[in-house]
Amino acid sequence: PSGIYNYYVIMYPEVHPVFKPFMFMFMSGSKYTGFKEMDYAWKNAIFCKMECAYHLCNIYIKYEGTPLLAYEYTKALCDKYPKNLFFALRHCEVLLAKGEYKEAERITYKLNKSGKKYFVATSYVFYAMLYESYYKEPENASRFFLKAIQTFKETANPEADYLSFAYAGMGRYYKNAGDKTKATEYYKKCQAIAEYHSIIEEANTYLLKK
């Protein structure tokens, strides 16, 4: 828990600047110390080993923008809990980043066939990414991104993270198609909700250069 605190007390106000004026009420922290403490627990703990794996993979994927460093943790989580769809989802993200598309596609199919709308919506994002990066079929990619956007809106609690992926994907699609108006529209939607370091950077870069 001290590792989680030390990391997030620094990271959270960076991602949510509105909270910065209130941080004086909290003890100071250090992302480096947070990493060291969580890594120590991952290597040595008995009862919270998997919890450390979850938090470390989340941090590397979402906040540090270094998903390849999360592979050790997402694989351990999937091996330990093969029926946990959320862990499968995280592992799929890492596999896509590593370019291991066939295994990523297998997990995407599993998510799609789960019958659970949240995971179905996320599978559409991953199918879109596969068509975009692996099959090189941008039209099919855009169709899946749009299906993801619509399906997320139908869920009880729309997931901002993967919805931001879909908005960014549509932004890329229209940017490559030369439609600056549509690209700007989708990147602004992405920028409004994104928390992933890589997605924020992509949206900001386009909107600053347009």
Protein backbone atom coordinates (compact mmCIF):
# COMPACT_ATOMS: atom_id res chain seq x y z
CA PRO A 1 0.00 0.00 0.00
CA SER A 2 2.82 2.46 0.68
CA GLY A 3 4.15 1.85 -2.83
CA ILE A 4 0.73 2.58 -4.33
CA TYR A 5 0.44 5.75 -2.25
CA ASN A 6 3.93 7.00 -3.09
CA TYR A 7 3.30 6.58 -6.81
CA TYR A 8 -0.26 7.84 -7.13
CA VAL A 9 0.11 10.85 -4.85
CA ILE A 10 2.43 12.20 -7.56
CA MET A 11 0.80 10.74 -10.66
CA TYR A 12 -2.89 11.36 -9.93
CA PRO A 13 -2.71 15.19 -9.86
CA GLU A 14 -0.53 15.10 -12.99
CA VAL A 15 -3.35 13.32 -14.84
CA HIS A 16 -6.12 15.27 -13.04
CA PRO A 17 -4.75 18.82 -12.59
CA VAL A 18 -7.98 19.97 -10.93
CA PHE A 19 -6.82 18.16 -7.77
CA LYS A 20 -3.41 19.87 -7.57
CA PRO A 21 -4.56 22.71 -5.24
CA PHE A 22 -5.71 20.12 -2.69
CA MET A 23 -2.53 18.03 -2.61
CA PHE A 24 -1.05 20.05 0.26
CA MET A 25 -3.29 17.98 2.54
CA PHE A 26 -1.43 14.79 1.63
CA MET A 27 2.01 13.59 2.61
CA SER A 28 4.58 13.89 -0.17
CA GLY A 29 5.48 10.85 -2.25
CA SER A 30 7.89 9.65 -4.89
CA LYS A 31 7.13 7.65 -8.03
CA TYR A 32 10.58 6.07 -7.85
CA THR A 33 10.03 4.98 -4.25
CA GLY A 34 6.58 3.70 -5.17
CA PHE A 35 8.06 1.55 -7.94
CA LYS A 36 10.75 0.17 -5.62
CA GLU A 37 8.24 -0.73 -2.93
CA MET A 38 5.78 -2.41 -5.30
CA ASP A 39 8.59 -4.29 -7.07
CA TYR A 40 9.89 -5.51 -3.70
CA ALA A 41 6.41 -6.74 -2.76
CA TRP A 42 6.02 -8.41 -6.18
CA LYS A 43 9.24 -10.35 -5.66
CA ASN A 44 8.88 -11.13 -1.95
CA ALA A 45 5.26 -10.93 -0.80
CA ILE A 46 3.11 -13.96 -0.07
CA PHE A 47 -0.42 -12.57 0.17
CA CYS A 48 -0.33 -9.51 -2.11
CA LYS A 49 1.92 -10.67 -4.96
CA MET A 50 -0.83 -10.65 -7.59
CA GLU A 51 -2.17 -7.31 -6.36
CA CYS A 52 1.29 -5.85 -6.98
CA ALA A 53 1.34 -7.39 -10.45
CA TYR A 54 -2.01 -5.77 -11.21
CA HIS A 55 -0.96 -2.30 -10.05
CA LEU A 56 2.43 -2.46 -11.77
CA CYS A 57 0.96 -3.54 -15.10
CA ASN A 58 -1.66 -0.81 -14.84
CA ILE A 59 1.00 1.82 -14.15
CA TYR A 60 3.32 0.73 -16.97
CA ILE A 61 0.50 0.44 -19.52
CA LYS A 62 -1.59 3.45 -18.61
CA TYR A 63 0.55 6.08 -16.94
CA GLU A 64 4.15 5.44 -17.96
CA GLY A 65 3.40 4.64 -21.60
CA THR A 66 5.73 1.61 -21.49
CA PRO A 67 3.44 -1.40 -22.04
CA LEU A 68 6.29 -3.75 -22.92
CA LEU A 69 7.49 -3.51 -19.32
CA ALA A 70 4.10 -4.81 -18.19
CA TYR A 71 4.41 -8.16 -19.98
CA GLU A 72 5.87 -10.00 -16.98
CA TYR A 73 2.93 -8.94 -14.82
CA THR A 74 0.06 -9.42 -17.27
CA LYS A 75 1.34 -12.89 -18.20
CA ALA A 76 1.60 -13.86 -14.54
CA LEU A 77 -1.96 -12.65 -13.90
CA CYS A 78 -3.36 -14.54 -16.90
CA ASP A 79 -1.46 -17.72 -16.03
CA LYS A 80 -2.70 -17.57 -12.43
CA TYR A 81 -6.29 -16.55 -13.27
CA PRO A 82 -7.07 -17.77 -16.82
CA LYS A 83 -10.81 -17.08 -16.46
CA ASN A 84 -10.40 -13.45 -15.40
CA LEU A 85 -11.44 -11.41 -18.44
CA PHE A 86 -10.06 -8.14 -17.13
CA PHE A 87 -6.58 -9.65 -16.77
CA ALA A 88 -6.96 -11.10 -20.28
CA LEU A 89 -7.87 -7.64 -21.54
CA ARG A 90 -4.74 -6.11 -20.03
CA HIS A 91 -2.57 -8.88 -21.45
CA CYS A 92 -4.09 -8.33 -24.88
CA GLU A 93 -3.05 -4.67 -24.75
CA VAL A 94 0.53 -5.68 -24.07
CA LEU A 95 0.52 -8.32 -26.82
CA LEU A 96 -0.69 -5.73 -29.33
CA ALA A 97 2.11 -3.40 -28.25
CA LYS A 98 4.63 -6.27 -28.63
CA GLY A 99 3.33 -7.10 -32.09
CA GLU A 100 2.21 -10.59 -31.04
CA TYR A 101 -0.93 -10.25 -33.11
CA LYS A 102 -2.04 -13.88 -33.37
CA GLU A 103 -2.17 -14.38 -29.60
CA ALA A 104 -3.79 -10.96 -29.21
CA GLU A 105 -6.43 -11.99 -31.74
CA ARG A 106 -7.13 -15.20 -29.81
CA ILE A 107 -7.77 -13.22 -26.62
CA THR A 108 -9.83 -10.65 -28.51
CA TYR A 109 -12.08 -13.46 -29.76
CA LYS A 110 -12.43 -14.72 -26.18
CA LEU A 111 -13.47 -11.26 -24.98
CA ASN A 112 -15.92 -10.89 -27.86
CA LYS A 113 -17.60 -14.22 -27.12
CA SER A 114 -17.91 -13.53 -23.38
CA GLY A 115 -21.40 -12.08 -23.81
CA LYS A 116 -20.53 -9.24 -21.42
CA LYS A 117 -21.08 -5.90 -23.10
CA TYR A 118 -18.06 -4.16 -21.56
CA PHE A 119 -15.68 -6.84 -22.81
CA VAL A 120 -17.46 -7.06 -26.16
CA ALA A 121 -17.00 -3.30 -26.59
CA THR A 122 -13.33 -3.60 -25.70
CA SER A 123 -12.92 -6.48 -28.15
CA TYR A 124 -14.13 -4.14 -30.92
CA VAL A 125 -11.32 -1.74 -30.00
CA PHE A 126 -8.79 -4.57 -30.20
CA TYR A 127 -10.20 -5.88 -33.49
CA ALA A 128 -9.89 -2.35 -34.84
CA MET A 129 -6.27 -2.17 -33.73
CA LEU A 130 -5.57 -5.53 -35.35
CA TYR A 131 -7.10 -4.39 -38.65
CA GLU A 132 -5.19 -1.13 -38.40
CA SER A 133 -1.73 -2.45 -37.51
CA TYR A 134 -1.67 -6.12 -38.56
CA TYR A 135 -4.06 -6.56 -41.48
CA LYS A 136 -3.53 -3.01 -42.78
CA GLU A 137 -7.23 -2.54 -43.53
CA PRO A 138 -8.12 0.97 -42.32
CA GLU A 139 -11.73 0.80 -43.49
CA ASN A 140 -12.41 -2.29 -41.40
CA ALA A 141 -10.52 -0.72 -38.51
CA SER A 142 -12.74 2.35 -38.62
CA ARG A 143 -15.88 0.20 -38.62
CA PHE A 144 -14.76 -1.60 -35.48
CA PHE A 145 -13.77 1.66 -33.77
CA LEU A 146 -17.27 3.00 -34.46
CA LYS A 147 -18.85 -0.22 -33.16
CA ALA A 148 -16.79 0.15 -29.98
CA ILE A 149 -17.92 3.76 -29.49
CA GLN A 150 -21.58 2.81 -29.89
CA THR A 151 -21.32 -0.26 -27.64
CA PHE A 152 -19.53 1.61 -24.87
CA LYS A 153 -22.34 4.15 -24.88
CA GLU A 154 -24.81 1.32 -24.29
CA THR A 155 -23.01 0.00 -21.20
CA ALA A 156 -24.13 0.99 -17.70
CA ASN A 157 -20.72 2.50 -16.93
CA PRO A 158 -18.95 3.61 -20.13
CA GLU A 159 -15.22 2.94 -19.89
CA ALA A 160 -13.34 6.14 -20.63
CA ASP A 161 -9.97 4.44 -21.21
CA TYR A 162 -10.97 2.22 -24.11
CA LEU A 163 -13.45 4.74 -25.43
CA SER A 164 -10.52 7.15 -25.72
CA PHE A 165 -8.69 4.45 -27.73
CA ALA A 166 -11.62 4.33 -30.15
CA TYR A 167 -11.77 8.13 -30.49
CA ALA A 168 -8.01 8.25 -31.13
CA GLY A 169 -8.36 5.46 -33.70
CA MET A 170 -11.00 7.44 -35.58
CA GLY A 171 -8.78 10.49 -35.31
CA ARG A 172 -5.96 8.57 -36.99
CA TYR A 173 -8.31 7.24 -39.65
CA TYR A 174 -9.52 10.69 -40.66
CA LYS A 175 -6.04 12.21 -40.36
CA ASN A 176 -4.72 9.63 -42.84
CA ALA A 177 -7.75 10.23 -45.06
CA GLY A 178 -6.97 13.96 -45.12
CA ASP A 179 -10.16 15.00 -43.36
CA LYS A 180 -8.82 17.50 -40.81
CA THR A 181 -12.26 18.52 -39.57
CA LYS A 182 -13.27 14.97 -38.62
CA ALA A 183 -9.83 14.16 -37.25
CA THR A 184 -9.95 17.23 -35.01
CA GLU A 185 -13.47 16.35 -33.85
CA TYR A 186 -12.43 12.87 -32.72
CA TYR A 187 -9.11 13.92 -31.21
CA LYS A 188 -10.92 16.55 -29.13
CA LYS A 189 -13.32 13.89 -27.85
CA CYS A 190 -10.31 11.74 -27.05
CA GLN A 191 -8.48 14.57 -25.31
CA ALA A 192 -11.48 15.27 -23.07
CA ILE A 193 -11.48 11.81 -21.47
CA ALA A 194 -8.07 10.19 -22.04
CA GLU A 195 -5.88 9.16 -19.11
CA TYR A 196 -3.41 6.94 -20.96
CA HIS A 197 -0.10 8.76 -21.37
CA SER A 198 0.32 7.57 -24.97
CA ILE A 199 -3.22 8.53 -26.00
CA ILE A 200 -3.01 11.98 -24.37
CA GLU A 201 0.29 12.60 -26.15
CA GLU A 202 -1.14 11.50 -29.51
CA ALA A 203 -4.20 13.74 -29.22
CA ASN A 204 -2.24 16.74 -27.95
CA THR A 205 0.38 16.40 -30.68
CA TYR A 206 -2.22 16.39 -33.44
CA LEU A 207 -4.30 19.23 -32.01
CA LEU A 208 -1.25 21.43 -31.50
CA LYS A 209 0.03 20.85 -35.04
CA LYS A 210 -3.22 21.08 -36.99
